PDB file of N, CA and C in Angstrom:
ATOM      1  N   MET A   1     -15.904  16.601  13.254  1.00  0.00           N
ATOM      2  CA  MET A   1     -15.368  16.945  11.957  1.00  0.00           C
ATOM      3  C   MET A   1     -16.493  16.871  10.922  1.00  0.00           C
ATOM      4  N   ARG A   2     -16.594  17.894  10.121  1.00  0.00           N
ATOM      5  CA  ARG A   2     -17.710  18.016   9.187  1.00  0.00           C
ATOM      6  C   ARG A   2     -17.693  16.974   8.067  1.00  0.00           C
ATOM      7  N   PHE A   3     -16.532  16.634   7.560  1.00  0.00           N
ATOM      8  CA  PHE A   3     -16.468  15.747   6.402  1.00  0.00           C
ATOM      9  C   PHE A   3     -15.898  14.376   6.776  1.00  0.00           C
ATOM     10  N   PHE A   4     -16.181  13.931   7.979  1.00  0.00           N
ATOM     11  CA  PHE A   4     -15.706  12.626   8.433  1.00  0.00           C
ATOM     12  C   PHE A   4     -16.293  11.502   7.580  1.00  0.00           C
ATOM     13  N   ARG A   5     -17.538  11.653   7.189  1.00  0.00           N
ATOM     14  CA  ARG A   5     -18.194  10.641   6.352  1.00  0.00           C
ATOM     15  C   ARG A   5     -17.466  10.502   5.005  1.00  0.00           C
ATOM     16  N   THR A   6     -16.972  11.594   4.470  1.00  0.00           N
ATOM     17  CA  THR A   6     -16.212  11.559   3.220  1.00  0.00           C
ATOM     18  C   THR A   6     -14.935  10.765   3.403  1.00  0.00           C
ATOM     19  N   PHE A   7     -14.249  10.991   4.526  1.00  0.00           N
ATOM     20  CA  PHE A   7     -13.006  10.259   4.802  1.00  0.00           C
ATOM     21  C   PHE A   7     -13.279   8.766   4.927  1.00  0.00           C
ATOM     22  N   ILE A   8     -14.339   8.390   5.630  1.00  0.00           N
ATOM     23  CA  ILE A   8     -14.676   6.981   5.799  1.00  0.00           C
ATOM     24  C   ILE A   8     -15.062   6.367   4.453  1.00  0.00           C
ATOM     25  N   SER A   9     -15.785   7.107   3.625  1.00  0.00           N
ATOM     26  CA  SER A   9     -16.165   6.610   2.293  1.00  0.00           C
ATOM     27  C   SER A   9     -14.933   6.371   1.421  1.00  0.00           C
ATOM     28  N   ALA A  10     -13.965   7.272   1.492  1.00  0.00           N
ATOM     29  CA  ALA A  10     -12.725   7.081   0.740  1.00  0.00           C
ATOM     30  C   ALA A  10     -11.917   5.927   1.324  1.00  0.00           C
ATOM     31  N   SER A  11     -11.934   5.782   2.642  1.00  0.00           N
ATOM     32  CA  SER A  11     -11.188   4.708   3.303  1.00  0.00           C
ATOM     33  C   SER A  11     -11.690   3.334   2.900  1.00  0.00           C
ATOM     34  N   GLU A  12     -13.004   3.221   2.709  1.00  0.00           N
ATOM     35  CA  GLU A  12     -13.576   1.940   2.297  1.00  0.00           C
ATOM     36  C   GLU A  12     -13.028   1.492   0.948  1.00  0.00           C
ATOM     37  N   VAL A  13     -12.730   2.441   0.083  1.00  0.00           N
ATOM     38  CA  VAL A  13     -12.180   2.115  -1.230  1.00  0.00           C
ATOM     39  C   VAL A  13     -10.686   1.824  -1.118  1.00  0.00           C
ATOM     40  N   ILE A  14      -9.974   2.592  -0.305  1.00  0.00           N
ATOM     41  CA  ILE A  14      -8.521   2.474  -0.217  1.00  0.00           C
ATOM     42  C   ILE A  14      -8.099   1.249   0.596  1.00  0.00           C
ATOM     43  N   ILE A  15      -8.803   0.966   1.683  1.00  0.00           N
ATOM     44  CA  ILE A  15      -8.449  -0.136   2.575  1.00  0.00           C
ATOM     45  C   ILE A  15      -9.552  -1.186   2.533  1.00  0.00           C
ATOM     46  N   PRO A  16      -9.207  -2.436   2.288  1.00  0.00           N
ATOM     47  CA  PRO A  16     -10.245  -3.480   2.307  1.00  0.00           C
ATOM     48  C   PRO A  16     -10.570  -3.881   3.744  1.00  0.00           C
ATOM     49  N   PHE A  17     -11.690  -3.430   4.256  1.00  0.00           N
ATOM     50  CA  PHE A  17     -12.099  -3.786   5.615  1.00  0.00           C
ATOM     51  C   PHE A  17     -12.600  -5.224   5.634  1.00  0.00           C
ATOM     52  N   GLU A  18     -12.308  -5.930   6.701  1.00  0.00           N
ATOM     53  CA  GLU A  18     -12.732  -7.327   6.851  1.00  0.00           C
ATOM     54  C   GLU A  18     -13.997  -7.384   7.697  1.00  0.00           C
ATOM     55  N   GLY A  19     -15.069  -6.809   7.211  1.00  0.00           N
ATOM     56  CA  GLY A  19     -16.337  -6.837   7.924  1.00  0.00           C
ATOM     57  C   GLY A  19     -16.619  -5.543   8.665  1.00  0.00           C
ATOM     58  N   GLU A  20     -17.796  -5.505   9.282  1.00  0.00           N
ATOM     59  CA  GLU A  20     -18.245  -4.304   9.990  1.00  0.00           C
ATOM     60  C   GLU A  20     -17.402  -4.013  11.230  1.00  0.00           C
ATOM     61  N   GLU A  21     -16.946  -5.057  11.924  1.00  0.00           N
ATOM     62  CA  GLU A  21     -16.154  -4.855  13.144  1.00  0.00           C
ATOM     63  C   GLU A  21     -14.852  -4.121  12.833  1.00  0.00           C
ATOM     64  N   SER A  22     -14.198  -4.519  11.769  1.00  0.00           N
ATOM     65  CA  SER A  22     -12.960  -3.872  11.356  1.00  0.00           C
ATOM     66  C   SER A  22     -13.216  -2.411  10.982  1.00  0.00           C
ATOM     67  N   LYS A  23     -14.306  -2.165  10.279  1.00  0.00           N
ATOM     68  CA  LYS A  23     -14.661  -0.800   9.884  1.00  0.00           C
ATOM     69  C   LYS A  23     -14.958   0.057  11.115  1.00  0.00           C
ATOM     70  N   LYS A  24     -15.669  -0.497  12.099  1.00  0.00           N
ATOM     71  CA  LYS A  24     -15.981   0.252  13.334  1.00  0.00           C
ATOM     72  C   LYS A  24     -14.710   0.621  14.092  1.00  0.00           C
ATOM     73  N   ARG A  25     -13.774  -0.340  14.208  1.00  0.00           N
ATOM     74  CA  ARG A  25     -12.501  -0.052  14.896  1.00  0.00           C
ATOM     75  C   ARG A  25     -11.759   1.070  14.176  1.00  0.00           C
ATOM     76  N   PHE A  26     -11.787   1.042  12.845  1.00  0.00           N
ATOM     77  CA  PHE A  26     -11.126   2.085  12.065  1.00  0.00           C
ATOM     78  C   PHE A  26     -11.779   3.443  12.318  1.00  0.00           C
ATOM     79  N   GLU A  27     -13.110   3.486  12.331  1.00  0.00           N
ATOM     80  CA  GLU A  27     -13.826   4.744  12.566  1.00  0.00           C
ATOM     81  C   GLU A  27     -13.491   5.324  13.930  1.00  0.00           C
ATOM     82  N   VAL A  28     -13.455   4.464  14.949  1.00  0.00           N
ATOM     83  CA  VAL A  28     -13.143   4.929  16.306  1.00  0.00           C
ATOM     84  C   VAL A  28     -11.731   5.506  16.350  1.00  0.00           C
ATOM     85  N   ARG A  29     -10.769   4.793  15.747  1.00  0.00           N
ATOM     86  CA  ARG A  29      -9.375   5.268  15.753  1.00  0.00           C
ATOM     87  C   ARG A  29      -9.247   6.563  14.956  1.00  0.00           C
ATOM     88  N   ALA A  30      -9.962   6.673  13.830  1.00  0.00           N
ATOM     89  CA  ALA A  30      -9.907   7.892  13.015  1.00  0.00           C
ATOM     90  C   ALA A  30     -10.483   9.079  13.790  1.00  0.00           C
ATOM     91  N   LYS A  31     -11.591   8.870  14.517  1.00  0.00           N
ATOM     92  CA  LYS A  31     -12.164   9.959  15.316  1.00  0.00           C
ATOM     93  C   LYS A  31     -11.187  10.418  16.387  1.00  0.00           C
ATOM     94  N   GLU A  32     -10.513   9.463  17.048  1.00  0.00           N
ATOM     95  CA  GLU A  32      -9.495   9.826  18.046  1.00  0.00           C
ATOM     96  C   GLU A  32      -8.395  10.663  17.398  1.00  0.00           C
ATOM     97  N   PHE A  33      -7.953  10.219  16.231  1.00  0.00           N
ATOM     98  CA  PHE A  33      -6.888  10.926  15.536  1.00  0.00           C
ATOM     99  C   PHE A  33      -7.301  12.349  15.181  1.00  0.00           C
ATOM    100  N   PHE A  34      -8.501  12.512  14.619  1.00  0.00           N
ATOM    101  CA  PHE A  34      -8.947  13.838  14.200  1.00  0.00           C
ATOM    102  C   PHE A  34      -9.238  14.748  15.386  1.00  0.00           C
ATOM    103  N   ASP A  35      -9.689  14.186  16.494  1.00  0.00           N
ATOM    104  CA  ASP A  35      -9.933  15.001  17.685  1.00  0.00           C
ATOM    105  C   ASP A  35      -8.640  15.577  18.238  1.00  0.00           C
ATOM    106  N   ASN A  36      -7.521  14.877  18.035  1.00  0.00           N
ATOM    107  CA  ASN A  36      -6.236  15.326  18.568  1.00  0.00           C
ATOM    108  C   ASN A  36      -5.383  16.078  17.550  1.00  0.00           C
ATOM    109  N   MET A  37      -5.928  16.341  16.380  1.00  0.00           N
ATOM    110  CA  MET A  37      -5.194  17.096  15.358  1.00  0.00           C
ATOM    111  C   MET A  37      -5.084  18.561  15.751  1.00  0.00           C
ATOM    112  N   PRO A  38      -3.971  19.205  15.415  1.00  0.00           N
ATOM    113  CA  PRO A  38      -3.881  20.656  15.640  1.00  0.00           C
ATOM    114  C   PRO A  38      -4.946  21.378  14.801  1.00  0.00           C
ATOM    115  N   PRO A  39      -5.475  22.496  15.287  1.00  0.00           N
ATOM    116  CA  PRO A  39      -6.559  23.201  14.585  1.00  0.00           C
ATOM    117  C   PRO A  39      -6.239  23.566  13.132  1.00  0.00           C
ATOM    118  N   ASP A  40      -5.023  24.025  12.865  1.00  0.00           N
ATOM    119  CA  ASP A  40      -4.671  24.397  11.488  1.00  0.00           C
ATOM    120  C   ASP A  40      -4.659  23.182  10.566  1.00  0.00           C
ATOM    121  N   ALA A  41      -4.122  22.083  11.037  1.00  0.00           N
ATOM    122  CA  ALA A  41      -4.092  20.858  10.235  1.00  0.00           C
ATOM    123  C   ALA A  41      -5.509  20.335  10.006  1.00  0.00           C
ATOM    124  N   LYS A  42      -6.357  20.465  11.019  1.00  0.00           N
ATOM    125  CA  LYS A  42      -7.738  19.999  10.886  1.00  0.00           C
ATOM    126  C   LYS A  42      -8.483  20.817   9.828  1.00  0.00           C
ATOM    127  N   ARG A  43      -8.282  22.130   9.826  1.00  0.00           N
ATOM    128  CA  ARG A  43      -8.935  22.977   8.821  1.00  0.00           C
ATOM    129  C   ARG A  43      -8.445  22.644   7.413  1.00  0.00           C
ATOM    130  N   THR A  44      -7.152  22.432   7.270  1.00  0.00           N
ATOM    131  CA  THR A  44      -6.594  22.088   5.964  1.00  0.00           C
ATOM    132  C   THR A  44      -7.137  20.749   5.479  1.00  0.00           C
ATOM    133  N   PHE A  45      -7.195  19.791   6.370  1.00  0.00           N
ATOM    134  CA  PHE A  45      -7.690  18.477   6.000  1.00  0.00           C
ATOM    135  C   PHE A  45      -9.174  18.527   5.645  1.00  0.00           C
ATOM    136  N   GLU A  46      -9.943  19.317   6.378  1.00  0.00           N
ATOM    137  CA  GLU A  46     -11.360  19.484   6.053  1.00  0.00           C
ATOM    138  C   GLU A  46     -11.530  20.112   4.670  1.00  0.00           C
ATOM    139  N   LEU A  47     -10.649  21.027   4.308  1.00  0.00           N
ATOM    140  CA  LEU A  47     -10.704  21.637   2.972  1.00  0.00           C
ATOM    141  C   LEU A  47     -10.444  20.586   1.891  1.00  0.00           C
ATOM    142  N   LEU A  48      -9.465  19.712   2.121  1.00  0.00           N
ATOM    143  CA  LEU A  48      -9.181  18.643   1.156  1.00  0.00           C
ATOM    144  C   LEU A  48     -10.371  17.699   1.016  1.00  0.00           C
ATOM    145  N   LEU A  49     -10.991  17.356   2.140  1.00  0.00           N
ATOM    146  CA  LEU A  49     -12.160  16.477   2.093  1.00  0.00           C
ATOM    147  C   LEU A  49     -13.348  17.165   1.419  1.00  0.00           C
ATOM    148  N   LEU A  50     -13.457  18.477   1.595  1.00  0.00           N
ATOM    149  CA  LEU A  50     -14.505  19.246   0.922  1.00  0.00           C
ATOM    150  C   LEU A  50     -14.327  19.169  -0.596  1.00  0.00           C
ATOM    151  N   LEU A  51     -13.089  19.285  -1.048  1.00  0.00           N
ATOM    152  CA  LEU A  51     -12.817  19.175  -2.485  1.00  0.00           C
ATOM    153  C   LEU A  51     -13.230  17.810  -3.024  1.00  0.00           C
ATOM    154  N   ILE A  52     -12.921  16.764  -2.282  1.00  0.00           N
ATOM    155  CA  ILE A  52     -13.295  15.415  -2.719  1.00  0.00           C
ATOM    156  C   ILE A  52     -14.810  15.257  -2.692  1.00  0.00           C
ATOM    157  N   GLU A  53     -15.442  15.733  -1.626  1.00  0.00           N
ATOM    158  CA  GLU A  53     -16.887  15.564  -1.467  1.00  0.00           C
ATOM    159  C   GLU A  53     -17.669  16.186  -2.627  1.00  0.00           C
ATOM    160  N   PHE A  54     -17.273  17.370  -3.028  1.00  0.00           N
ATOM    161  CA  PHE A  54     -18.045  18.078  -4.054  1.00  0.00           C
ATOM    162  C   PHE A  54     -17.470  17.941  -5.464  1.00  0.00           C
ATOM    163  N   SER A  55     -16.393  17.193  -5.616  1.00  0.00           N
ATOM    164  CA  SER A  55     -15.832  16.981  -6.959  1.00  0.00           C
ATOM    165  C   SER A  55     -16.732  16.102  -7.817  1.00  0.00           C
ATOM    166  N   THR A  56     -17.628  15.368  -7.211  1.00  0.00           N
ATOM    167  CA  THR A  56     -18.494  14.445  -7.954  1.00  0.00           C
ATOM    168  C   THR A  56     -19.861  15.033  -8.270  1.00  0.00           C
ATOM    169  N   LEU A  57     -20.104  16.275  -7.933  1.00  0.00           N
ATOM    170  CA  LEU A  57     -21.420  16.869  -8.188  1.00  0.00           C
ATOM    171  C   LEU A  57     -21.731  17.002  -9.676  1.00  0.00           C
ATOM    172  N   PHE A  58     -20.721  17.297 -10.481  1.00  0.00           N
ATOM    173  CA  PHE A  58     -20.997  17.523 -11.893  1.00  0.00           C
ATOM    174  C   PHE A  58     -21.164  16.224 -12.686  1.00  0.00           C
ATOM    175  N   PRO A  59     -20.309  15.227 -12.530  1.00  0.00           N
ATOM    176  CA  PRO A  59     -20.594  14.036 -13.334  1.00  0.00           C
ATOM    177  C   PRO A  59     -21.742  13.178 -12.783  1.00  0.00           C
ATOM    178  N   TYR A  60     -21.897  13.121 -11.452  1.00  0.00           N
ATOM    179  CA  TYR A  60     -22.886  12.208 -10.870  1.00  0.00           C
ATOM    180  C   TYR A  60     -24.074  12.909 -10.200  1.00  0.00           C
ATOM    181  N   PHE A  61     -23.988  14.203  -9.979  1.00  0.00           N
ATOM    182  CA  PHE A  61     -25.029  14.993  -9.310  1.00  0.00           C
ATOM    183  C   PHE A  61     -25.283  14.528  -7.884  1.00  0.00           C
ATOM    184  N   LYS A  62     -24.272  13.942  -7.260  1.00  0.00           N
ATOM    185  CA  LYS A  62     -24.332  13.518  -5.858  1.00  0.00           C
ATOM    186  C   LYS A  62     -22.978  13.796  -5.219  1.00  0.00           C
ATOM    187  N   PRO A  63     -22.963  14.065  -3.911  1.00  0.00           N
ATOM    188  CA  PRO A  63     -21.668  14.189  -3.241  1.00  0.00           C
ATOM    189  C   PRO A  63     -20.962  12.836  -3.170  1.00  0.00           C
ATOM    190  N   PHE A  64     -19.653  12.868  -2.992  1.00  0.00           N
ATOM    191  CA  PHE A  64     -18.826  11.661  -2.997  1.00  0.00           C
ATOM    192  C   PHE A  64     -19.317  10.604  -2.011  1.00  0.00           C
ATOM    193  N   SER A  65     -19.647  11.008  -0.794  1.00  0.00           N
ATOM    194  CA  SER A  65     -20.035  10.034   0.231  1.00  0.00           C
ATOM    195  C   SER A  65     -21.377   9.366  -0.049  1.00  0.00           C
ATOM    196  N   SER A  66     -22.163   9.890  -0.983  1.00  0.00           N
ATOM    197  CA  SER A  66     -23.459   9.296  -1.331  1.00  0.00           C
ATOM    198  C   SER A  66     -23.378   8.326  -2.510  1.00  0.00           C
ATOM    199  N   LEU A  67     -22.224   8.250  -3.139  1.00  0.00           N
ATOM    200  CA  LEU A  67     -22.076   7.389  -4.308  1.00  0.00           C
ATOM    201  C   LEU A  67     -21.956   5.923  -3.915  1.00  0.00           C
ATOM    202  N   SER A  68     -22.234   5.047  -4.859  1.00  0.00           N
ATOM    203  CA  SER A  68     -22.040   3.614  -4.627  1.00  0.00           C
ATOM    204  C   SER A  68     -20.546   3.312  -4.558  1.00  0.00           C
ATOM    205  N   TYR A  69     -20.211   2.143  -4.053  1.00  0.00           N
ATOM    206  CA  TYR A  69     -18.803   1.759  -3.916  1.00  0.00           C
ATOM    207  C   TYR A  69     -18.090   1.797  -5.267  1.00  0.00           C
ATOM    208  N   GLU A  70     -18.724   1.289  -6.303  1.00  0.00           N
ATOM    209  CA  GLU A  70     -18.104   1.229  -7.627  1.00  0.00           C
ATOM    210  C   GLU A  70     -17.798   2.631  -8.164  1.00  0.00           C
ATOM    211  N   LYS A  71     -18.722   3.553  -7.974  1.00  0.00           N
ATOM    212  CA  LYS A  71     -18.500   4.921  -8.455  1.00  0.00           C
ATOM    213  C   LYS A  71     -17.420   5.630  -7.641  1.00  0.00           C
ATOM    214  N   ARG A  72     -17.410   5.383  -6.315  1.00  0.00           N
ATOM    215  CA  ARG A  72     -16.353   5.977  -5.489  1.00  0.00           C
ATOM    216  C   ARG A  72     -14.984   5.444  -5.909  1.00  0.00           C
ATOM    217  N   GLU A  73     -14.919   4.144  -6.195  1.00  0.00           N
ATOM    218  CA  GLU A  73     -13.660   3.555  -6.640  1.00  0.00           C
ATOM    219  C   GLU A  73     -13.213   4.179  -7.959  1.00  0.00           C
ATOM    220  N   LYS A  74     -14.152   4.402  -8.856  1.00  0.00           N
ATOM    221  CA  LYS A  74     -13.847   5.019 -10.140  1.00  0.00           C
ATOM    222  C   LYS A  74     -13.305   6.439  -9.958  1.00  0.00           C
ATOM    223  N   VAL A  75     -13.933   7.203  -9.055  1.00  0.00           N
ATOM    224  CA  VAL A  75     -13.487   8.576  -8.783  1.00  0.00           C
ATOM    225  C   VAL A  75     -12.070   8.574  -8.211  1.00  0.00           C
ATOM    226  N   ILE A  76     -11.806   7.694  -7.255  1.00  0.00           N
ATOM    227  CA  ILE A  76     -10.474   7.653  -6.632  1.00  0.00           C
ATOM    228  C   ILE A  76      -9.423   7.236  -7.660  1.00  0.00           C
ATOM    229  N   ARG A  77      -9.750   6.276  -8.503  1.00  0.00           N
ATOM    230  CA  ARG A  77      -8.804   5.874  -9.560  1.00  0.00           C
ATOM    231  C   ARG A  77      -8.517   7.038 -10.511  1.00  0.00           C
ATOM    232  N   LYS A  78      -9.549   7.811 -10.847  1.00  0.00           N
ATOM    233  CA  LYS A  78      -9.339   8.972 -11.729  1.00  0.00           C
ATOM    234  C   LYS A  78      -8.413   9.988 -11.065  1.00  0.00           C
ATOM    235  N   TRP A  79      -8.596  10.193  -9.756  1.00  0.00           N
ATOM    236  CA  TRP A  79      -7.730  11.137  -9.052  1.00  0.00           C
ATOM    237  C   TRP A  79      -6.296  10.611  -8.986  1.00  0.00           C
ATOM    238  N   TYR A  80      -6.121   9.299  -8.785  1.00  0.00           N
ATOM    239  CA  TYR A  80      -4.776   8.705  -8.753  1.00  0.00           C
ATOM    240  C   TYR A  80      -4.048   8.900 -10.074  1.00  0.00           C
ATOM    241  N   HIS A  81      -4.770   8.789 -11.176  1.00  0.00           N
ATOM    242  CA  HIS A  81      -4.153   8.840 -12.494  1.00  0.00           C
ATOM    243  C   HIS A  81      -4.380  10.180 -13.192  1.00  0.00           C
ATOM    244  N   SER A  82      -4.742  11.193 -12.444  1.00  0.00           N
ATOM    245  CA  SER A  82      -5.019  12.504 -13.010  1.00  0.00           C
ATOM    246  C   SER A  82      -3.735  13.147 -13.537  1.00  0.00           C
ATOM    247  N   LYS A  83      -3.897  13.990 -14.538  1.00  0.00           N
ATOM    248  CA  LYS A  83      -2.767  14.755 -15.046  1.00  0.00           C
ATOM    249  C   LYS A  83      -2.458  15.936 -14.136  1.00  0.00           C
ATOM    250  N   ILE A  84      -3.395  16.262 -13.279  1.00  0.00           N
ATOM    251  CA  ILE A  84      -3.205  17.382 -12.353  1.00  0.00           C
ATOM    252  C   ILE A  84      -2.495  16.858 -11.100  1.00  0.00           C
ATOM    253  N   MET A  85      -1.312  17.360 -10.858  1.00  0.00           N
ATOM    254  CA  MET A  85      -0.492  16.867  -9.757  1.00  0.00           C
ATOM    255  C   MET A  85      -1.169  17.061  -8.393  1.00  0.00           C
ATOM    256  N   ARG A  86      -1.898  18.135  -8.204  1.00  0.00           N
ATOM    257  CA  ARG A  86      -2.560  18.408  -6.925  1.00  0.00           C
ATOM    258  C   ARG A  86      -3.560  17.311  -6.567  1.00  0.00           C
ATOM    259  N   LYS A  87      -4.311  16.842  -7.562  1.00  0.00           N
ATOM    260  CA  LYS A  87      -5.269  15.761  -7.298  1.00  0.00           C
ATOM    261  C   LYS A  87      -4.538  14.500  -6.851  1.00  0.00           C
ATOM    262  N   ARG A  88      -3.456  14.183  -7.539  1.00  0.00           N
ATOM    263  CA  ARG A  88      -2.673  12.997  -7.152  1.00  0.00           C
ATOM    264  C   ARG A  88      -2.113  13.149  -5.751  1.00  0.00           C
ATOM    265  N   ASN A  89      -1.661  14.348  -5.409  1.00  0.00           N
ATOM    266  CA  ASN A  89      -1.114  14.587  -4.073  1.00  0.00           C
ATOM    267  C   ASN A  89      -2.186  14.466  -2.995  1.00  0.00           C
ATOM    268  N   ILE A  90      -3.382  14.974  -3.269  1.00  0.00           N
ATOM    269  CA  ILE A  90      -4.472  14.903  -2.296  1.00  0.00           C
ATOM    270  C   ILE A  90      -4.831  13.450  -2.019  1.00  0.00           C
ATOM    271  N   ILE A  91      -5.002  12.661  -3.071  1.00  0.00           N
ATOM    272  CA  ILE A  91      -5.368  11.259  -2.882  1.00  0.00           C
ATOM    273  C   ILE A  91      -4.227  10.492  -2.223  1.00  0.00           C
ATOM    274  N   SER A  92      -2.999  10.815  -2.530  1.00  0.00           N
ATOM    275  CA  SER A  92      -1.861  10.161  -1.874  1.00  0.00           C
ATOM    276  C   SER A  92      -1.835  10.488  -0.386  1.00  0.00           C
ATOM    277  N   ALA A  93      -2.159  11.718  -0.039  1.00  0.00           N
ATOM    278  CA  ALA A  93      -2.218  12.104   1.374  1.00  0.00           C
ATOM    279  C   ALA A  93      -3.334  11.364   2.096  1.00  0.00           C
ATOM    280  N   ILE A  94      -4.494  11.252   1.454  1.00  0.00           N
ATOM    281  CA  ILE A  94      -5.614  10.519   2.058  1.00  0.00           C
ATOM    282  C   ILE A  94      -5.230   9.054   2.236  1.00  0.00           C
ATOM    283  N   LYS A  95      -4.591   8.472   1.224  1.00  0.00           N
ATOM    284  CA  LYS A  95      -4.174   7.071   1.309  1.00  0.00           C
ATOM    285  C   LYS A  95      -3.163   6.870   2.444  1.00  0.00           C
ATOM    286  N   GLY A  96      -2.201   7.770   2.555  1.00  0.00           N
ATOM    287  CA  GLY A  96      -1.216   7.662   3.631  1.00  0.00           C
ATOM    288  C   GLY A  96      -1.852   7.771   5.001  1.00  0.00           C
ATOM    289  N   LEU A  97      -2.777   8.692   5.145  1.00  0.00           N
ATOM    290  CA  LEU A  97      -3.463   8.859   6.420  1.00  0.00           C
ATOM    291  C   LEU A  97      -4.314   7.634   6.754  1.00  0.00           C
ATOM    292  N   CYS A  98      -5.029   7.109   5.765  1.00  0.00           N
ATOM    293  CA  CYS A  98      -5.829   5.891   5.979  1.00  0.00           C
ATOM    294  C   CYS A  98      -4.935   4.735   6.416  1.00  0.00           C
ATOM    295  N   SER A  99      -3.809   4.576   5.730  1.00  0.00           N
ATOM    296  CA  SER A  99      -2.892   3.485   6.056  1.00  0.00           C
ATOM    297  C   SER A  99      -2.323   3.639   7.462  1.00  0.00           C
ATOM    298  N   MET A 100      -1.956   4.864   7.821  1.00  0.00           N
ATOM    299  CA  MET A 100      -1.397   5.097   9.148  1.00  0.00           C
ATOM    300  C   MET A 100      -2.423   4.790  10.241  1.00  0.00           C
ATOM    301  N   ILE A 101      -3.647   5.234  10.056  1.00  0.00           N
ATOM    302  CA  ILE A 101      -4.691   4.976  11.053  1.00  0.00           C
ATOM    303  C   ILE A 101      -4.997   3.482  11.117  1.00  0.00           C
ATOM    304  N   TYR A 102      -5.090   2.835   9.960  1.00  0.00           N
ATOM    305  CA  TYR A 102      -5.386   1.398   9.916  1.00  0.00           C
ATOM    306  C   TYR A 102      -4.299   0.591  10.624  1.00  0.00           C
ATOM    307  N   MET A 103      -3.038   0.933  10.380  1.00  0.00           N
ATOM    308  CA  MET A 103      -1.929   0.183  10.997  1.00  0.00           C
ATOM    309  C   MET A 103      -1.728   0.537  12.463  1.00  0.00           C
ATOM    310  N   SER A 104      -2.368   1.589  12.944  1.00  0.00           N
ATOM    311  CA  SER A 104      -2.242   1.925  14.364  1.00  0.00           C
ATOM    312  C   SER A 104      -3.184   1.093  15.234  1.00  0.00           C
ATOM    313  N   ILE A 105      -4.075   0.327  14.613  1.00  0.00           N
ATOM    314  CA  ILE A 105      -4.971  -0.561  15.348  1.00  0.00           C
ATOM    315  C   ILE A 105      -4.217  -1.863  15.599  1.00  0.00           C
ATOM    316  N   PRO A 106      -4.048  -2.269  16.860  1.00  0.00           N
ATOM    317  CA  PRO A 106      -3.215  -3.447  17.172  1.00  0.00           C
ATOM    318  C   PRO A 106      -3.607  -4.722  16.416  1.00  0.00           C
ATOM    319  N   GLU A 107      -4.888  -4.937  16.172  1.00  0.00           N
ATOM    320  CA  GLU A 107      -5.326  -6.149  15.478  1.00  0.00           C
ATOM    321  C   GLU A 107      -4.872  -6.180  14.023  1.00  0.00           C
ATOM    322  N   ASN A 108      -4.514  -5.048  13.456  1.00  0.00           N
ATOM    323  CA  ASN A 108      -4.145  -4.979  12.042  1.00  0.00           C
ATOM    324  C   ASN A 108      -2.643  -5.038  11.799  1.00  0.00           C
ATOM    325  N   ILE A 109      -1.851  -5.095  12.854  1.00  0.00           N
ATOM    326  CA  ILE A 109      -0.403  -5.149  12.696  1.00  0.00           C
ATOM    327  C   ILE A 109      -0.023  -6.549  12.228  1.00  0.00           C
ATOM    328  N   PRO A 110       0.768  -6.662  11.156  1.00  0.00           N
ATOM    329  CA  PRO A 110       1.184  -7.984  10.683  1.00  0.00           C
ATOM    330  C   PRO A 110       1.997  -8.735  11.738  1.00  0.00           C
ATOM    331  N   GLU A 111       1.966 -10.048  11.671  1.00  0.00           N
ATOM    332  CA  GLU A 111       2.655 -10.889  12.650  1.00  0.00           C
ATOM    333  C   GLU A 111       4.153 -10.607  12.705  1.00  0.00           C
ATOM    334  N   LYS A 112       4.776 -10.339  11.562  1.00  0.00           N
ATOM    335  CA  LYS A 112       6.219 -10.075  11.543  1.00  0.00           C
ATOM    336  C   LYS A 112       6.562  -8.864  12.396  1.00  0.00           C
ATOM    337  N   LEU A 113       5.738  -7.844  12.342  1.00  0.00           N
ATOM    338  CA  LEU A 113       5.996  -6.652  13.142  1.00  0.00           C
ATOM    339  C   LEU A 113       5.742  -6.917  14.621  1.00  0.00           C
ATOM    340  N   LYS A 114       4.753  -7.747  14.939  1.00  0.00           N
ATOM    341  CA  LYS A 114       4.478  -8.076  16.336  1.00  0.00           C
ATOM    342  C   LYS A 114       5.669  -8.802  16.945  1.00  0.00           C
ATOM    343  N   ILE A 115       6.291  -9.706  16.200  1.00  0.00           N
ATOM    344  CA  ILE A 115       7.463 -10.431  16.708  1.00  0.00           C
ATOM    345  C   ILE A 115       8.588  -9.442  16.946  1.00  0.00           C
ATOM    346  N   GLY A 116       8.786  -8.502  16.025  1.00  0.00           N
ATOM    347  CA  GLY A 116       9.837  -7.487  16.201  1.00  0.00           C
ATOM    348  C   GLY A 116       9.588  -6.640  17.438  1.00  0.00           C
ATOM    349  N   ASP A 117       8.336  -6.327  17.735  1.00  0.00           N
ATOM    350  CA  ASP A 117       8.012  -5.565  18.933  1.00  0.00           C
ATOM    351  C   ASP A 117       8.337  -6.362  20.194  1.00  0.00           C
ATOM    352  N   GLU A 118       8.076  -7.650  20.166  1.00  0.00           N
ATOM    353  CA  GLU A 118       8.369  -8.494  21.327  1.00  0.00           C
ATOM    354  C   GLU A 118       9.873  -8.567  21.581  1.00  0.00           C
ATOM    355  N   LEU A 119      10.647  -8.666  20.508  1.00  0.00           N
ATOM    356  CA  LEU A 119      12.093  -8.782  20.656  1.00  0.00           C
ATOM    357  C   LEU A 119      12.718  -7.487  21.164  1.00  0.00           C
ATOM    358  N   CYS A 120      12.110  -6.362  20.833  1.00  0.00           N
ATOM    359  CA  CYS A 120      12.643  -5.058  21.225  1.00  0.00           C
ATOM    360  C   CYS A 120      12.168  -4.606  22.604  1.00  0.00           C
ATOM    361  N   SER A 121      11.192  -5.276  23.150  1.00  0.00           N
ATOM    362  CA  SER A 121      10.654  -4.815  24.423  1.00  0.00           C
ATOM    363  C   SER A 121      11.599  -5.143  25.565  1.00  0.00           C
ATOM    364  N   VAL A 122      11.589  -4.267  26.556  1.00  0.00           N
ATOM    365  CA  VAL A 122      12.456  -4.433  27.724  1.00  0.00           C
ATOM    366  C   VAL A 122      11.574  -4.822  28.901  1.00  0.00           C
ATOM    367  N   GLU A 123      11.931  -5.902  29.542  1.00  0.00           N
ATOM    368  CA  GLU A 123      11.140  -6.356  30.692  1.00  0.00           C
ATOM    369  C   GLU A 123      11.903  -6.216  31.977  1.00  0.00           C
TER     370      GLU A 123
END
C-alpha cells in the first residue's frame, strides 16, 4: 500500500501505543488487514490517505507523515473540528479503522471482554 506510512502516522496520534512492541504489532495487523481488502475499497482508502498526506503541504511545506507528533496532532484536531463535513467524516473513518485494527490484537482486548469470551466459548 502506497500510503501505509500516512496511516501509521495518523494512528500514532489517534491511538496511544505503549512502546515500540505495541506499535509493531499494530503495523503487522494493519498490513494483514490492508492486504485482504477488496481492490475497490483499497483504492478508495488510498485516495483518503493521499488527501491527508498532501493536506499539510501548504501550511507546513511537508507531507503529513514527515511532520512531528505535535504538528500531526494539530492537523488531526483541525480535521476533527473542521466546518467541512467531509474532513470530519474522513478522520472519523480513519479513527474507526485504527480502533478496529487495534482491538483485533488479542493483547489489547480489555479484561472484561476476555471474560465474556471465556463464558461464551463452547468446550
